[in-house]
Protein backbone atom coordinates (compact mmCIF):
# COMPACT_ATOMS: atom_id res chain seq x y z
CA MET A 1 0.00 0.00 0.00
CA LEU A 2 2.80 2.43 0.93
CA ASP A 3 4.54 1.80 -2.40
CA LEU A 4 1.35 2.58 -4.32
CA ILE A 5 0.71 5.78 -2.35
CA LEU A 6 4.27 6.96 -2.91
CA SER A 7 4.03 6.06 -6.60
CA PHE A 8 0.88 8.09 -7.25
CA THR A 9 1.84 11.07 -5.11
CA GLY A 10 5.45 10.91 -6.33
CA ILE A 11 4.29 11.31 -9.92
CA VAL A 12 2.22 14.34 -8.93
CA ILE A 13 5.08 15.94 -6.96
CA MET A 14 7.56 15.35 -9.81
CA LEU A 15 5.10 16.99 -12.18
CA MET A 16 4.84 19.99 -9.85
CA ILE A 17 8.63 20.24 -9.53
CA SER A 18 8.95 20.11 -13.31
CA LEU A 19 6.48 22.98 -13.69
CA VAL A 20 8.31 25.04 -11.07
CA THR A 21 11.64 24.37 -12.78
CA ILE A 22 10.26 25.40 -16.15
CA ALA A 23 8.77 28.56 -14.65
CA TYR A 24 12.06 29.48 -12.93
CA PHE A 25 14.23 29.06 -16.03
CA ALA A 26 11.64 30.85 -18.14
CA SER A 27 11.75 33.81 -15.72
CA LYS A 28 15.55 33.98 -16.06
CA ALA A 29 15.50 33.58 -19.83
CA LEU A 30 12.68 36.08 -20.41
CA ASN A 31 13.63 38.35 -17.49
CA ILE A 32 10.17 38.18 -15.88
CA PRO A 33 10.48 38.80 -12.10
CA GLY A 34 6.86 37.86 -11.43
CA LEU A 35 7.39 34.40 -12.87
CA GLU A 36 10.42 33.93 -10.64
CA VAL A 37 8.36 34.89 -7.59
CA PHE A 38 5.70 32.44 -8.67
CA ALA A 39 8.30 29.67 -8.94
CA LYS A 40 9.68 30.36 -5.45
CA VAL A 41 6.21 30.47 -3.88
CA GLU A 42 5.19 27.23 -5.55
CA LEU A 43 8.44 25.58 -4.48
CA TYR A 44 7.52 26.46 -0.90
CA GLU A 45 4.05 24.98 -1.47
CA ILE A 46 5.63 21.77 -2.81
CA PHE A 47 7.68 21.56 0.40
CA ILE A 48 4.51 22.00 2.48
CA SER A 49 2.76 19.34 0.39
CA VAL A 50 5.62 16.91 1.08
CA LEU A 51 5.28 17.62 4.81
CA ILE A 52 1.51 16.98 4.59
CA LEU A 53 2.20 13.72 2.76
CA ILE A 54 4.65 12.65 5.50
CA PHE A 55 2.01 13.54 8.12
CA ALA A 56 -0.61 11.51 6.22
CA LEU A 57 1.61 8.44 5.94
CA GLY A 58 2.49 8.67 9.62
CA LEU A 59 -1.19 8.96 10.55
CA PHE A 60 -2.02 5.95 8.39
CA GLY A 61 0.59 3.91 10.24
CA ILE A 62 -0.56 5.11 13.66
CA SER A 63 -4.16 4.22 12.76
CA ASP A 64 -3.15 0.65 11.96
CA ILE A 65 -1.15 0.44 15.19
CA ILE A 66 -4.16 1.60 17.23
CA SER A 67 -6.47 -0.82 15.43
CA ASN A 68 -4.07 -3.73 15.92
CA GLU A 69 -3.79 -2.95 19.62
CA VAL A 70 -7.55 -2.69 20.11
CA VAL A 71 -8.94 -5.51 17.94
CA GLY A 72 -5.86 -7.27 16.56
CA ALA A 73 -6.41 -6.31 12.90
CA PRO A 74 -5.68 -3.36 10.57
CA ARG A 75 -8.29 -0.63 10.55
CA PHE A 76 -10.04 -1.51 7.27
CA ASP A 77 -9.98 -5.23 7.99
CA ALA A 78 -11.41 -4.51 11.46
CA ALA A 79 -14.16 -2.28 10.06
CA ILE A 80 -15.15 -4.85 7.42
CA GLN A 81 -15.05 -7.69 9.97
CA PHE A 82 -17.20 -5.62 12.32
CA GLN A 83 -19.82 -4.98 9.65
CA SER A 84 -19.77 -8.62 8.53
CA LYS A 85 -20.27 -9.71 12.13
CA ILE A 86 -23.25 -7.36 12.47
CA MET A 87 -24.79 -8.81 9.34
CA LEU A 88 -24.08 -12.52 9.93
CA GLN A 89 -24.57 -12.62 13.73
CA GLY A 90 -27.20 -9.92 14.09
CA VAL A 91 -29.36 -8.81 11.18
CA TYR A 92 -29.75 -12.15 9.38
CA PRO A 93 -30.64 -14.36 12.39
CA ALA A 94 -32.90 -11.67 13.88
CA THR A 95 -34.75 -11.29 10.56
CA LEU A 96 -35.10 -15.06 10.21
CA TYR A 97 -36.40 -15.22 13.78
CA CYS A 98 -39.09 -12.63 13.00
CA TYR A 99 -40.11 -14.43 9.80
CA LYS A 100 -40.17 -17.73 11.69
CA MET A 101 -42.51 -16.24 14.31
CA ILE A 102 -44.73 -14.76 11.60
CA TRP A 103 -45.00 -18.19 9.94
CA ILE A 104 -45.67 -19.99 13.23
CA PHE A 105 -48.42 -17.66 14.43
CA SER A 106 -49.98 -17.25 10.99
CA THR A 107 -50.28 -21.03 10.82
CA LEU A 108 -51.49 -21.46 14.41
CA ASN A 109 -54.06 -18.72 13.86
CA THR A 110 -55.92 -21.06 11.49
CA PHE A 111 -56.46 -23.77 14.15
CA GLN A 112 -59.73 -23.80 16.11
CA MET A 113 -61.33 -26.25 18.52
CA ARG A 114 -64.58 -26.99 20.38
CA PRO A 115 -64.74 -27.90 24.08
CA ASN A 116 -66.92 -30.95 23.23
CA ASP A 117 -68.66 -32.65 20.35
CA SER A 118 -71.81 -30.56 20.42
CA VAL A 119 -72.24 -28.21 17.43
CA TRP A 120 -73.82 -25.60 19.70
CA THR A 121 -70.72 -25.09 21.84
CA TRP A 122 -68.35 -22.18 21.46
CA VAL A 123 -65.41 -22.38 19.05
CA PHE A 124 -62.05 -21.30 20.49
CA LYS A 125 -58.86 -20.37 18.69
CA VAL A 126 -56.04 -22.65 19.73
CA CYS A 127 -53.62 -19.70 19.82
CA PRO A 128 -55.51 -16.52 20.76
CA GLY A 129 -53.92 -13.15 20.07
CA SER A 130 -52.06 -14.43 16.99
CA ASP A 131 -53.10 -11.49 14.81
CA ALA A 132 -51.54 -8.98 17.19
CA ILE A 133 -48.33 -11.02 17.44
CA VAL A 134 -48.05 -11.36 13.66
CA GLY A 135 -48.58 -7.61 13.21
CA ILE A 136 -45.86 -6.69 15.70
CA PHE A 137 -43.38 -9.16 14.22
CA ASN A 138 -44.12 -7.73 10.79
CA LEU A 139 -43.20 -4.28 12.12
CA LEU A 140 -40.00 -5.63 13.69
CA SER A 141 -39.00 -7.33 10.45
CA TYR A 142 -39.45 -4.03 8.57
CA GLY A 143 -37.11 -2.36 11.08
CA LEU A 144 -34.52 -5.09 10.55
CA VAL A 145 -34.72 -4.63 6.78
CA ILE A 146 -34.00 -0.91 7.27
CA LEU A 147 -30.99 -1.82 9.43
CA LEU A 148 -29.80 -4.20 6.71
CA ALA A 149 -30.08 -1.44 4.09
CA SER A 150 -28.15 0.96 6.33
CA LEU A 151 -25.46 -1.66 6.92
CA ASN A 152 -25.04 -2.24 3.18
CA VAL A 153 -24.57 1.50 2.66
CA HIS A 154 -21.85 1.63 5.34
CA MET A 155 -20.09 -1.38 3.84
CA TYR A 156 -20.10 0.33 0.44
CA ILE A 157 -18.70 3.52 2.00
CA ILE A 158 -15.85 1.60 3.66
CA THR A 159 -15.05 -0.22 0.41
CA PHE A 160 -15.17 3.04 -1.59
CA ILE A 161 -12.86 4.79 0.88
CA LYS A 162 -10.36 1.94 0.82
CA ALA A 163 -10.33 1.85 -3.00
CA THR A 164 -10.09 5.57 -3.82
CA MET A 165 -8.77 7.81 -1.06
CA GLU A 166 -5.04 7.05 -1.17
CA TYR A 167 -4.88 6.35 -4.91
CA PHE A 168 -7.00 9.20 -6.25
CA PHE A 169 -8.13 11.82 -3.74
CA LEU A 170 -4.79 12.31 -1.95
CA PRO A 171 -2.72 12.82 -5.15
CA ALA A 172 -5.52 14.96 -6.63
CA GLY A 173 -5.55 17.17 -3.53
CA ILE A 174 -1.78 17.66 -3.66
CA LEU A 175 -2.05 18.58 -7.35
CA LEU A 176 -4.92 21.02 -6.72
CA ARG A 177 -2.94 22.64 -3.90
CA PHE A 178 -0.15 23.52 -6.37
CA PHE A 179 -2.26 25.99 -8.32
CA PRO A 180 -3.25 29.24 -6.53
CA PRO A 181 -6.91 29.31 -7.70
CA THR A 182 -7.52 25.76 -6.42
CA ARG A 183 -5.26 25.85 -3.35
CA LYS A 184 -8.03 25.86 -0.75
CA ALA A 185 -9.92 23.18 -2.61
CA GLY A 186 -6.73 21.11 -2.66
CA VAL A 187 -6.32 21.47 1.11
CA PHE A 188 -9.89 20.29 1.63
CA VAL A 189 -9.44 17.26 -0.65
CA ILE A 190 -6.18 16.33 1.12
CA THR A 191 -7.75 16.51 4.59
CA LEU A 192 -10.84 14.68 3.32
CA ALA A 193 -8.65 11.82 2.04
CA ILE A 194 -6.62 11.68 5.27
CA ALA A 195 -9.70 11.79 7.50
CA LEU A 196 -11.69 9.17 5.60
CA PHE A 197 -8.71 6.89 5.10
CA ALA A 198 -7.36 7.10 8.67
CA VAL A 199 -9.93 8.46 11.13
CA TYR A 200 -13.20 6.94 9.88
CA PRO A 201 -12.20 3.22 9.90
CA THR A 202 -10.13 3.65 13.06
CA VAL A 203 -13.14 4.91 15.01
CA TYR A 204 -15.02 1.82 13.76
CA ALA A 205 -12.23 -0.43 15.08
CA ILE A 206 -12.14 1.36 18.44
CA ASN A 207 -15.92 1.00 18.86
CA MET A 208 -15.69 -2.68 17.98
CA GLY A 209 -13.14 -3.09 20.76
CA ILE A 210 -15.33 -1.12 23.18
CA LEU A 211 -18.36 -3.34 22.50
CA ASP A 212 -16.31 -6.50 23.02
CA LYS A 213 -14.90 -5.03 26.25
CA MET A 214 -18.43 -4.33 27.46
CA ALA A 215 -19.38 -7.95 26.78
CA GLN A 216 -16.28 -9.19 28.60
CA ILE A 217 -17.00 -7.06 31.66
CA GLU A 218 -20.63 -8.20 31.75
CA SER A 219 -19.87 -11.91 31.33
CA GLY A 220 -16.55 -12.08 33.16
CA ASN A 221 -15.07 -14.01 30.22
CA PRO A 222 -11.94 -12.32 28.76
CA SER A 223 -12.55 -13.94 25.36
CA GLU A 224 -16.23 -12.96 25.10
CA SER A 225 -17.39 -10.92 22.10
CA TYR A 226 -20.40 -8.64 21.81
CA VAL A 227 -23.61 -10.53 20.97
CA PHE A 228 -26.03 -8.93 18.52
CA PHE A 229 -28.64 -11.72 18.64
CA ASP A 230 -29.26 -14.14 21.51
CA SER A 231 -29.96 -17.49 19.85
CA PHE A 232 -30.67 -19.19 23.20
CA LYS A 233 -33.53 -16.82 24.02
CA ALA A 234 -34.75 -17.06 20.44
CA ASN A 235 -34.91 -20.87 20.52
CA ALA A 236 -36.68 -20.77 23.89
CA ALA A 237 -39.20 -18.26 22.54
CA VAL A 238 -39.85 -20.40 19.45
CA ALA A 239 -40.40 -23.46 21.64
CA THR A 240 -42.80 -21.44 23.81
CA ALA A 241 -44.68 -20.16 20.76
CA ILE A 242 -45.13 -23.66 19.40
CA GLY A 243 -45.79 -25.44 22.70
CA THR A 244 -48.21 -22.98 24.32
CA PRO A 245 -51.17 -23.64 21.96
CA PHE A 246 -50.93 -27.36 22.64
CA VAL A 247 -50.87 -26.75 26.38
CA ILE A 248 -53.92 -24.50 26.04
CA SER A 249 -55.77 -27.02 23.87
CA THR A 250 -55.01 -29.77 26.40
CA ALA A 251 -56.33 -27.53 29.17
CA VAL A 252 -59.53 -26.88 27.18
CA ALA A 253 -60.01 -30.60 26.60
CA SER A 254 -59.53 -31.27 30.33
CA VAL A 255 -62.01 -28.54 31.21
CA SER A 256 -64.49 -30.08 28.76
CA ARG A 257 -64.22 -33.50 30.37
CA LEU A 258 -64.51 -31.95 33.83
CA ASN A 259 -67.52 -29.98 32.63
CA ASP A 260 -69.20 -33.25 31.61
CA ILE A 261 -68.69 -34.52 35.12
CA LEU A 262 -70.02 -31.31 36.64
CA SER A 263 -72.96 -31.05 34.26
CA HIS A 264 -75.25 -31.87 37.15
CA PHE A 265 -74.00 -28.75 38.97
CA PRO A 266 -75.04 -25.77 36.78
CA LEU A 267 -73.35 -23.07 38.86
CA ALA A 268 -70.00 -24.86 38.99
CA SER A 269 -70.22 -25.63 35.28
CA THR A 270 -70.89 -21.97 34.44
CA LEU A 271 -67.96 -20.76 36.52
CA LEU A 272 -65.65 -23.35 35.00
CA LEU A 273 -66.61 -22.43 31.44
CA GLY A 274 -66.20 -18.75 32.24
CA PHE A 275 -62.70 -19.39 33.55
CA ALA A 276 -61.86 -21.42 30.43
CA GLY A 277 -63.16 -18.61 28.24
CA PHE A 278 -60.92 -16.18 30.12
CA LEU A 279 -57.91 -18.42 29.45
CA MET A 280 -58.79 -18.60 25.77
CA SER A 281 -59.16 -14.82 25.42
CA GLU A 282 -56.53 -12.62 23.80
CA PHE A 283 -55.28 -11.73 27.27
CA THR A 284 -53.44 -15.04 27.35
CA GLY A 285 -51.71 -14.28 24.07
CA MET A 286 -50.84 -10.77 25.21
CA VAL A 287 -49.20 -12.11 28.37
CA LEU A 288 -46.90 -14.27 26.23
CA GLN A 289 -45.89 -11.47 23.87
CA PRO A 290 -43.11 -9.83 25.93
CA TYR A 291 -41.23 -13.11 26.25
CA LEU A 292 -41.59 -13.85 22.55
CA PHE A 293 -40.43 -10.38 21.55
CA TRP A 294 -37.36 -10.16 23.80
CA PRO A 295 -34.87 -11.65 21.29
CA ALA A 296 -36.04 -9.41 18.46
CA LEU A 297 -36.26 -6.25 20.58
CA GLU A 298 -32.83 -6.81 22.15
CA SER A 299 -31.25 -7.53 18.78
CA ILE A 300 -32.79 -4.42 17.20
CA ALA A 301 -31.50 -2.31 20.11
CA SER A 302 -27.95 -3.66 19.82
CA LEU A 303 -28.03 -3.49 16.02
CA SER A 304 -29.25 0.12 16.12
CA LEU A 305 -26.19 0.95 18.21
CA ALA A 306 -23.91 -0.67 15.64
CA THR A 307 -25.64 0.46 12.44
CA PHE A 308 -26.78 3.98 13.35
CA PHE A 309 -24.88 5.38 16.35
CA ILE A 310 -21.35 4.10 15.62
CA PRO A 311 -21.33 5.24 11.94
CA ALA A 312 -22.71 8.62 13.04
CA LEU A 313 -19.99 8.89 15.70
CA SER A 314 -17.34 7.95 13.15
CA MET A 315 -18.63 10.56 10.73
CA VAL A 316 -18.74 13.26 13.41
CA ALA A 317 -15.12 12.51 14.34
CA THR A 318 -14.16 12.57 10.66
CA ILE A 319 -15.88 15.91 10.01
CA ALA A 320 -14.30 17.45 13.11
CA PHE A 321 -10.88 16.28 11.93
CA ILE A 322 -11.48 17.72 8.44
CA ASN A 323 -12.52 21.12 9.80
CA GLY A 324 -9.67 21.33 12.30
CA VAL A 325 -6.87 20.27 9.93
CA THR A 326 -8.21 22.37 7.03
CA ASN A 327 -8.30 25.52 9.17
CA PHE A 328 -4.82 24.78 10.54
CA ILE A 329 -3.29 24.35 7.06
CA ASP A 330 -5.05 27.44 5.69
CA GLN A 331 -4.20 29.75 8.59
CA LYS A 332 -0.88 28.49 9.96
CA VAL A 333 0.79 26.78 7.03
CA GLY A 334 -0.74 28.20 3.86
CA SER A 335 0.80 31.15 2.13
């Protein structure tokens, strides 16, 4: 990477030195003092550009050192690994969990039963409250799709930065800084390339290390990594979603048999059927909802932190770096 950066920027700097040399000899040959002044000023600007290039290369190396210390990988590799982990261990399993719950409750919502064989008895849904559960899981799945879209955008940004900043934007900024009309634009492009190539992925790597450290402190395991989706809770919730209707249907069947026994006691039979109706109401389904939603809600909360907050924090740090370095070069270093 360093050889490629030096190759591209070296070509640009040699071109600038050639132009300055031509301008200087032309000023001596044609006796044009203004052209000689221009050559001396631009030679100073070339020197400043070389210093900026040295600063950029040093910052690139420091960024990799920080990333290696925090997560054990270079900054771009760490950022890409972090985003891949979010997608493979967070968004995909959480989305599949929501779709699985939608399929389960949509299917169970079609099952009905009668307490006994009489056609005049009430018909109960085996899984009451399924419509509400399906609607909420539909909403959660839409949120996860939005997170997936946001994650794909961030992965494209990281890939674009890695492919273009050091090979195109940094040499282009140094070249633009050579010419007086485009000098400020060149400074901005240089700082943009440095910030996006060094600061942006490094902040990603640091946040990845912070999340893993949080998980290690919480679990007490020094090798623990941050969990975006709890598969244990998800499997337990799926088992509950599938098993509960059968428990309820068994309870209804038991109540029916007991009601046959108590048919000679009208008051007791009425109370027993009322209690069974209460169990079969949507209240029972609503009581189960928080437990069923925990995996999806927790995963969306953790994924929102990784897909919205951390990229925003990285961008804020990058913009602050761009503003600070641009003002410093313009006011303290620029001619």
